[in-house]
């Protein structure tokens, strides 16, 4: 039975990499912020270099990995919405004017929002296979949608920034089931709607080329409603940004998948995901209108 997770960080490739210092800063915050500690794995003492992070093993298994994501979604909402909202609420002060948070967590927007702008991470456009995929994905609608999503970015609290299903172990043996969030090396002050779009994008990936369906829209409504009630927020602006960010998460998923595939098979493997991202952006306004109607 493993008792610890030891993560060693190598030299950075650029803007798409996480940083040990970000995760260390989050684990330090957990020492005096109970809502932060409730979501993070327990830090273990480590005598060594600053590029190594040691934590206790989070109980449970990653969510939405096996079986039907739609069937598992209500369990994730029940276990994660309230503690994620509490975490965001407990770190709003770090984004307030005049605050002085650790500079390592004051970063810019996620790299996925910058793909078609001049400050996109160089390692994406300099890799031949990813360069070709980005050019294939760069339809006018996708570029406009991604830039619109970037323009919607808000610095409101600390966010995990890489909140995908692999990073959310769910302990279903606990009563009630309990979610932990791991791998905080991308954390920064940013938009909580980005964290909401992360795990939800797994449902959109499962839906295929047409990501917005009656089922995925109902699942998103349940997620936004549960989170907003726990965070004591109104839903309209939060829901709109969440919908916009979903397209960016799909693009990011496509590039991450392509980066581990052979160049000859990369495009065929992610072609449907790129189409799903384009459709997600194209339908964003209509989906947002239906979502707000469902949440009213």
Protein backbone atom coordinates (compact mmCIF):
# COMPACT_ATOMS: atom_id res chain seq x y z
CA UNK A 1 0.00 0.00 0.00
CA UNK A 2 1.72 3.26 -1.06
CA UNK A 3 2.09 5.79 1.73
CA UNK A 4 3.53 8.82 -0.06
CA UNK A 5 3.63 10.58 -3.41
CA UNK A 6 7.08 11.96 -4.29
CA UNK A 7 7.14 14.38 -7.22
CA UNK A 8 10.45 15.55 -8.69
CA UNK A 9 10.33 18.48 -11.11
CA UNK A 10 12.90 18.71 -13.90
CA UNK A 11 13.97 21.73 -15.95
CA UNK A 12 11.04 23.71 -17.31
CA UNK A 13 10.21 23.49 -21.01
CA UNK A 14 8.35 26.80 -20.89
CA UNK A 15 4.87 28.13 -20.21
CA UNK A 16 3.06 24.78 -20.31
CA UNK A 17 4.94 23.31 -17.35
CA UNK A 18 3.97 23.31 -13.72
CA UNK A 19 6.32 24.49 -11.00
CA UNK A 20 7.27 22.88 -7.71
CA UNK A 21 7.23 26.32 -6.08
CA UNK A 22 3.54 26.78 -6.92
CA UNK A 23 2.60 23.50 -5.30
CA UNK A 24 4.81 24.24 -2.29
CA UNK A 25 3.10 27.61 -1.87
CA UNK A 26 -0.32 25.94 -1.89
CA UNK A 27 0.72 23.35 0.68
CA UNK A 28 2.07 26.15 2.88
CA UNK A 29 -1.25 28.00 2.68
CA UNK A 30 -3.00 24.86 3.88
CA UNK A 31 -1.21 25.17 7.21
CA UNK A 32 -3.40 28.07 8.36
CA UNK A 33 -6.43 27.96 6.03
CA UNK A 34 -8.75 25.05 6.87
CA UNK A 35 -10.72 25.34 3.61
CA UNK A 36 -7.46 24.97 1.68
CA UNK A 37 -6.30 22.04 3.82
CA UNK A 38 -9.64 20.28 3.31
CA UNK A 39 -9.05 20.03 -0.44
CA UNK A 40 -5.31 19.30 -0.61
CA UNK A 41 -3.40 16.13 0.25
CA UNK A 42 -1.39 16.31 3.48
CA UNK A 43 2.16 17.59 3.06
CA UNK A 44 4.97 15.34 4.29
CA UNK A 45 8.26 16.54 5.72
CA UNK A 46 11.00 16.45 3.11
CA UNK A 47 14.63 17.29 3.60
CA UNK A 48 16.00 17.95 0.16
CA UNK A 49 15.87 20.24 -2.83
CA UNK A 50 13.05 22.62 -3.61
CA UNK A 51 12.16 20.77 -6.79
CA UNK A 52 10.73 17.80 -4.87
CA UNK A 53 7.23 17.72 -3.36
CA UNK A 54 6.14 14.97 -0.95
CA UNK A 55 2.52 14.43 0.09
CA UNK A 56 0.43 11.68 1.58
CA UNK A 57 -1.47 9.50 -0.86
CA UNK A 58 -4.98 10.86 -1.41
CA UNK A 59 -7.61 8.18 -0.74
CA UNK A 60 -9.84 6.98 -3.56
CA UNK A 61 -9.43 6.75 -7.32
CA UNK A 62 -9.58 9.43 -10.04
CA UNK A 63 -13.12 10.33 -11.05
CA UNK A 64 -14.75 9.96 -14.48
CA UNK A 65 -12.07 7.57 -15.68
CA UNK A 66 -14.02 4.32 -16.00
CA UNK A 67 -17.61 3.71 -16.98
CA UNK A 68 -20.01 6.43 -18.05
CA UNK A 69 -18.95 10.00 -17.14
CA UNK A 70 -22.60 11.09 -17.17
CA UNK A 71 -23.50 8.37 -14.66
CA UNK A 72 -20.62 9.30 -12.35
CA UNK A 73 -21.13 13.07 -12.65
CA UNK A 74 -23.76 13.52 -9.87
CA UNK A 75 -21.42 11.85 -7.37
CA UNK A 76 -18.59 14.21 -8.29
CA UNK A 77 -20.86 17.26 -8.02
CA UNK A 78 -22.03 16.16 -4.56
CA UNK A 79 -18.47 15.56 -3.33
CA UNK A 80 -16.58 18.45 -4.94
CA UNK A 81 -18.86 21.48 -5.39
CA UNK A 82 -18.96 22.59 -1.74
CA UNK A 83 -15.25 22.10 -0.85
CA UNK A 84 -14.13 23.69 -4.13
CA UNK A 85 -16.40 26.68 -3.45
CA UNK A 86 -15.06 26.92 0.11
CA UNK A 87 -11.48 26.84 -1.19
CA UNK A 88 -12.14 29.62 -3.68
CA UNK A 89 -14.02 31.67 -1.09
CA UNK A 90 -11.21 31.29 1.46
CA UNK A 91 -8.60 32.66 -0.96
CA UNK A 92 -10.42 35.69 -2.36
CA UNK A 93 -8.40 37.97 -0.11
CA UNK A 94 -5.23 37.05 -2.03
CA UNK A 95 -6.70 38.63 -5.17
CA UNK A 96 -7.93 41.77 -3.43
CA UNK A 97 -6.33 45.14 -4.26
CA UNK A 98 -3.42 45.83 -1.96
CA UNK A 99 -2.82 42.19 -1.06
CA UNK A 100 0.71 40.76 -1.22
CA UNK A 101 0.50 37.07 -2.08
CA UNK A 102 3.52 34.93 -2.87
CA UNK A 103 4.66 36.15 -6.34
CA UNK A 104 4.81 32.56 -7.59
CA UNK A 105 1.01 32.30 -7.51
CA UNK A 106 0.25 35.62 -9.21
CA UNK A 107 0.63 34.18 -12.72
CA UNK A 108 -1.15 35.05 -15.93
CA UNK A 109 -3.95 33.25 -17.75
CA UNK A 110 -3.66 29.50 -18.46
CA UNK A 111 -1.61 28.74 -21.54
CA UNK A 112 -4.63 27.28 -23.32
CA UNK A 113 -6.22 30.74 -23.50
CA UNK A 114 -3.17 32.18 -25.28
CA UNK A 115 -2.77 29.63 -28.10
CA UNK A 116 -3.34 32.03 -31.00
CA UNK A 117 -1.77 35.13 -29.46
CA UNK A 118 1.78 36.43 -29.56
CA UNK A 119 2.50 35.31 -26.00
CA UNK A 120 1.59 31.65 -26.61
CA UNK A 121 4.18 29.26 -25.12
CA UNK A 122 6.99 28.81 -27.63
CA UNK A 123 7.23 25.07 -27.05
CA UNK A 124 3.80 24.61 -28.67
CA UNK A 125 4.45 26.37 -31.95
CA UNK A 126 8.06 25.16 -32.17
CA UNK A 127 7.06 21.48 -32.08
CA UNK A 128 6.32 20.48 -35.71
CA UNK A 129 3.38 18.20 -34.91
CA UNK A 130 1.72 20.69 -32.56
CA UNK A 131 2.39 23.60 -34.91
CA UNK A 132 0.53 21.75 -37.64
CA UNK A 133 -2.35 20.90 -35.35
CA UNK A 134 -2.67 24.47 -34.11
CA UNK A 135 -2.80 25.72 -37.69
CA UNK A 136 -5.48 23.14 -38.47
CA UNK A 137 -7.47 24.24 -35.41
CA UNK A 138 -7.18 27.95 -36.14
CA UNK A 139 -10.51 28.54 -37.83
CA UNK A 140 -11.86 32.07 -37.57
CA UNK A 141 -14.58 30.95 -35.14
CA UNK A 142 -12.19 29.05 -32.87
CA UNK A 143 -9.66 31.89 -32.74
CA UNK A 144 -12.40 34.43 -32.01
CA UNK A 145 -13.96 32.17 -29.38
CA UNK A 146 -10.65 31.59 -27.62
CA UNK A 147 -9.81 35.28 -27.59
CA UNK A 148 -13.24 36.02 -26.21
CA UNK A 149 -12.63 33.46 -23.48
CA UNK A 150 -9.29 35.05 -22.66
CA UNK A 151 -10.93 38.46 -22.45
CA UNK A 152 -13.40 37.06 -19.92
CA UNK A 153 -10.64 35.94 -17.53
CA UNK A 154 -10.98 37.31 -13.99
CA UNK A 155 -8.48 37.31 -11.11
CA UNK A 156 -10.81 36.54 -8.23
CA UNK A 157 -9.17 33.90 -6.00
CA UNK A 158 -6.72 31.02 -6.06
CA UNK A 159 -7.50 28.37 -8.66
CA UNK A 160 -6.03 24.93 -9.29
CA UNK A 161 -5.83 25.68 -13.03
CA UNK A 162 -5.44 22.02 -14.07
CA UNK A 163 -8.57 20.55 -12.49
CA UNK A 164 -9.12 17.57 -14.77
CA UNK A 165 -10.44 14.18 -13.76
CA UNK A 166 -6.99 12.65 -13.16
CA UNK A 167 -6.38 15.20 -10.43
CA UNK A 168 -9.55 14.50 -8.41
CA UNK A 169 -9.41 11.22 -6.44
CA UNK A 170 -12.81 10.41 -4.96
CA UNK A 171 -12.99 8.32 -1.80
CA UNK A 172 -16.37 6.61 -2.11
CA UNK A 173 -15.71 4.57 1.05
CA UNK A 174 -15.95 7.74 3.16
CA UNK A 175 -19.30 8.83 4.54
CA UNK A 176 -20.18 11.01 2.74
CA UNK A 177 -17.83 10.42 -0.24
CA UNK A 178 -14.90 12.81 -0.13
CA UNK A 179 -12.93 14.43 -2.96
CA UNK A 180 -9.28 15.48 -2.78
CA UNK A 181 -7.54 17.61 -5.40
CA UNK A 182 -3.90 16.81 -6.22
CA UNK A 183 -1.14 18.21 -8.45
CA UNK A 184 -1.20 21.93 -7.68
CA UNK A 185 1.87 22.89 -9.71
CA UNK A 186 -0.19 25.09 -12.07
CA UNK A 187 -2.06 26.96 -9.29
CA UNK A 188 -2.38 30.72 -9.47
CA UNK A 189 -4.70 33.60 -8.74
CA UNK A 190 -7.38 33.45 -11.39
CA UNK A 191 -10.94 32.64 -12.36
CA UNK A 192 -12.93 30.00 -10.46
CA UNK A 193 -14.97 29.37 -13.61
CA UNK A 194 -11.82 27.84 -15.15
CA UNK A 195 -11.78 25.24 -12.37
CA UNK A 196 -15.45 24.50 -13.01
CA UNK A 197 -14.89 23.96 -16.74
CA UNK A 198 -12.00 21.54 -16.14
CA UNK A 199 -13.72 18.41 -14.81
CA UNK A 200 -16.85 19.17 -16.82
CA UNK A 201 -14.87 19.05 -20.08
CA UNK A 202 -14.59 15.28 -19.56
CA UNK A 203 -18.33 15.01 -20.25
CA UNK A 204 -17.95 17.09 -23.40
CA UNK A 205 -15.12 14.84 -24.60
CA UNK A 206 -17.33 11.81 -24.09
CA UNK A 207 -20.15 13.46 -26.06
CA UNK A 208 -18.04 13.56 -29.23
CA UNK A 209 -18.05 16.05 -32.10
CA UNK A 210 -21.29 17.66 -30.90
CA UNK A 211 -20.44 18.39 -27.26
CA UNK A 212 -23.52 20.33 -26.22
CA UNK A 213 -26.47 17.99 -25.80
CA UNK A 214 -29.50 18.06 -23.53
CA UNK A 215 -27.63 15.74 -21.17
CA UNK A 216 -24.38 17.74 -21.01
CA UNK A 217 -26.26 21.02 -20.59
CA UNK A 218 -28.29 19.55 -17.70
CA UNK A 219 -25.07 18.27 -16.12
CA UNK A 220 -23.45 21.70 -16.38
CA UNK A 221 -26.53 23.35 -14.87
CA UNK A 222 -26.35 20.99 -11.88
CA UNK A 223 -22.63 21.73 -11.44
CA UNK A 224 -22.93 25.51 -11.66
CA UNK A 225 -25.98 25.56 -9.39
CA UNK A 226 -24.33 23.45 -6.67
CA UNK A 227 -21.12 25.47 -6.81
CA UNK A 228 -22.82 28.89 -6.89
CA UNK A 229 -25.02 28.03 -3.91
CA UNK A 230 -22.00 26.90 -1.87
CA UNK A 231 -19.91 29.90 -2.98
CA UNK A 232 -22.80 32.34 -2.39
CA UNK A 233 -22.47 33.70 -5.91
CA UNK A 234 -25.00 34.68 -8.54
CA UNK A 235 -24.89 32.44 -11.58
CA UNK A 236 -25.10 34.53 -14.81
CA UNK A 237 -21.50 35.75 -15.18
CA UNK A 238 -20.07 32.54 -13.73
CA UNK A 239 -22.08 30.38 -16.12
CA UNK A 240 -21.14 32.46 -19.17
CA UNK A 241 -17.41 32.24 -18.44
CA UNK A 242 -17.65 28.54 -17.69
CA UNK A 243 -19.23 27.86 -21.09
CA UNK A 244 -16.54 29.90 -22.87
CA UNK A 245 -13.75 28.09 -21.04
CA UNK A 246 -15.09 24.68 -22.04
CA UNK A 247 -13.91 25.21 -25.62
CA UNK A 248 -10.44 26.11 -24.37
CA UNK A 249 -10.31 22.98 -22.22
CA UNK A 250 -11.19 20.85 -25.25
CA UNK A 251 -8.38 22.45 -27.26
CA UNK A 252 -5.97 21.84 -24.41
CA UNK A 253 -7.04 18.20 -24.16
CA UNK A 254 -6.43 17.75 -27.89
CA UNK A 255 -2.92 19.19 -27.74
CA UNK A 256 -1.97 17.21 -24.65
CA UNK A 257 -3.14 14.01 -26.31
CA UNK A 258 -1.33 14.82 -29.55
CA UNK A 259 1.94 15.55 -27.72
CA UNK A 260 2.29 11.89 -26.70
CA UNK A 261 1.34 10.38 -30.08
CA UNK A 262 3.38 9.64 -33.16
CA UNK A 263 3.28 12.56 -35.62
CA UNK A 264 1.75 10.35 -38.30
CA UNK A 265 -1.28 9.50 -36.18
CA UNK A 266 -1.72 12.64 -34.06
CA UNK A 267 -4.19 14.53 -36.25
CA UNK A 268 -6.46 11.56 -36.90
CA UNK A 269 -6.58 10.84 -33.17
CA UNK A 270 -7.69 14.33 -32.16
CA UNK A 271 -9.65 15.50 -35.21
CA UNK A 272 -12.99 14.95 -33.46
CA UNK A 273 -11.81 16.81 -30.35
CA UNK A 274 -10.78 19.81 -32.45
CA UNK A 275 -14.20 19.74 -34.10
CA UNK A 276 -15.84 19.53 -30.68
CA UNK A 277 -13.87 22.58 -29.53
CA UNK A 278 -14.95 24.54 -32.61
CA UNK A 279 -18.58 23.57 -32.02
CA UNK A 280 -18.33 24.42 -28.32
CA UNK A 281 -17.25 27.97 -29.20
CA UNK A 282 -19.81 28.30 -32.00
CA UNK A 283 -22.69 27.36 -29.69
CA UNK A 284 -21.48 29.24 -26.61
CA UNK A 285 -24.08 32.03 -26.67
CA UNK A 286 -27.02 29.71 -27.29
CA UNK A 287 -25.84 27.29 -24.59
CA UNK A 288 -25.34 30.14 -22.13
CA UNK A 289 -28.88 31.40 -22.78
CA UNK A 290 -30.36 27.94 -22.15
CA UNK A 291 -28.17 27.47 -19.10
CA UNK A 292 -29.28 30.74 -17.54
CA UNK A 293 -32.91 29.83 -18.23
CA UNK A 294 -32.40 26.48 -16.47
CA UNK A 295 -30.71 28.18 -13.51
CA UNK A 296 -33.36 30.91 -13.12
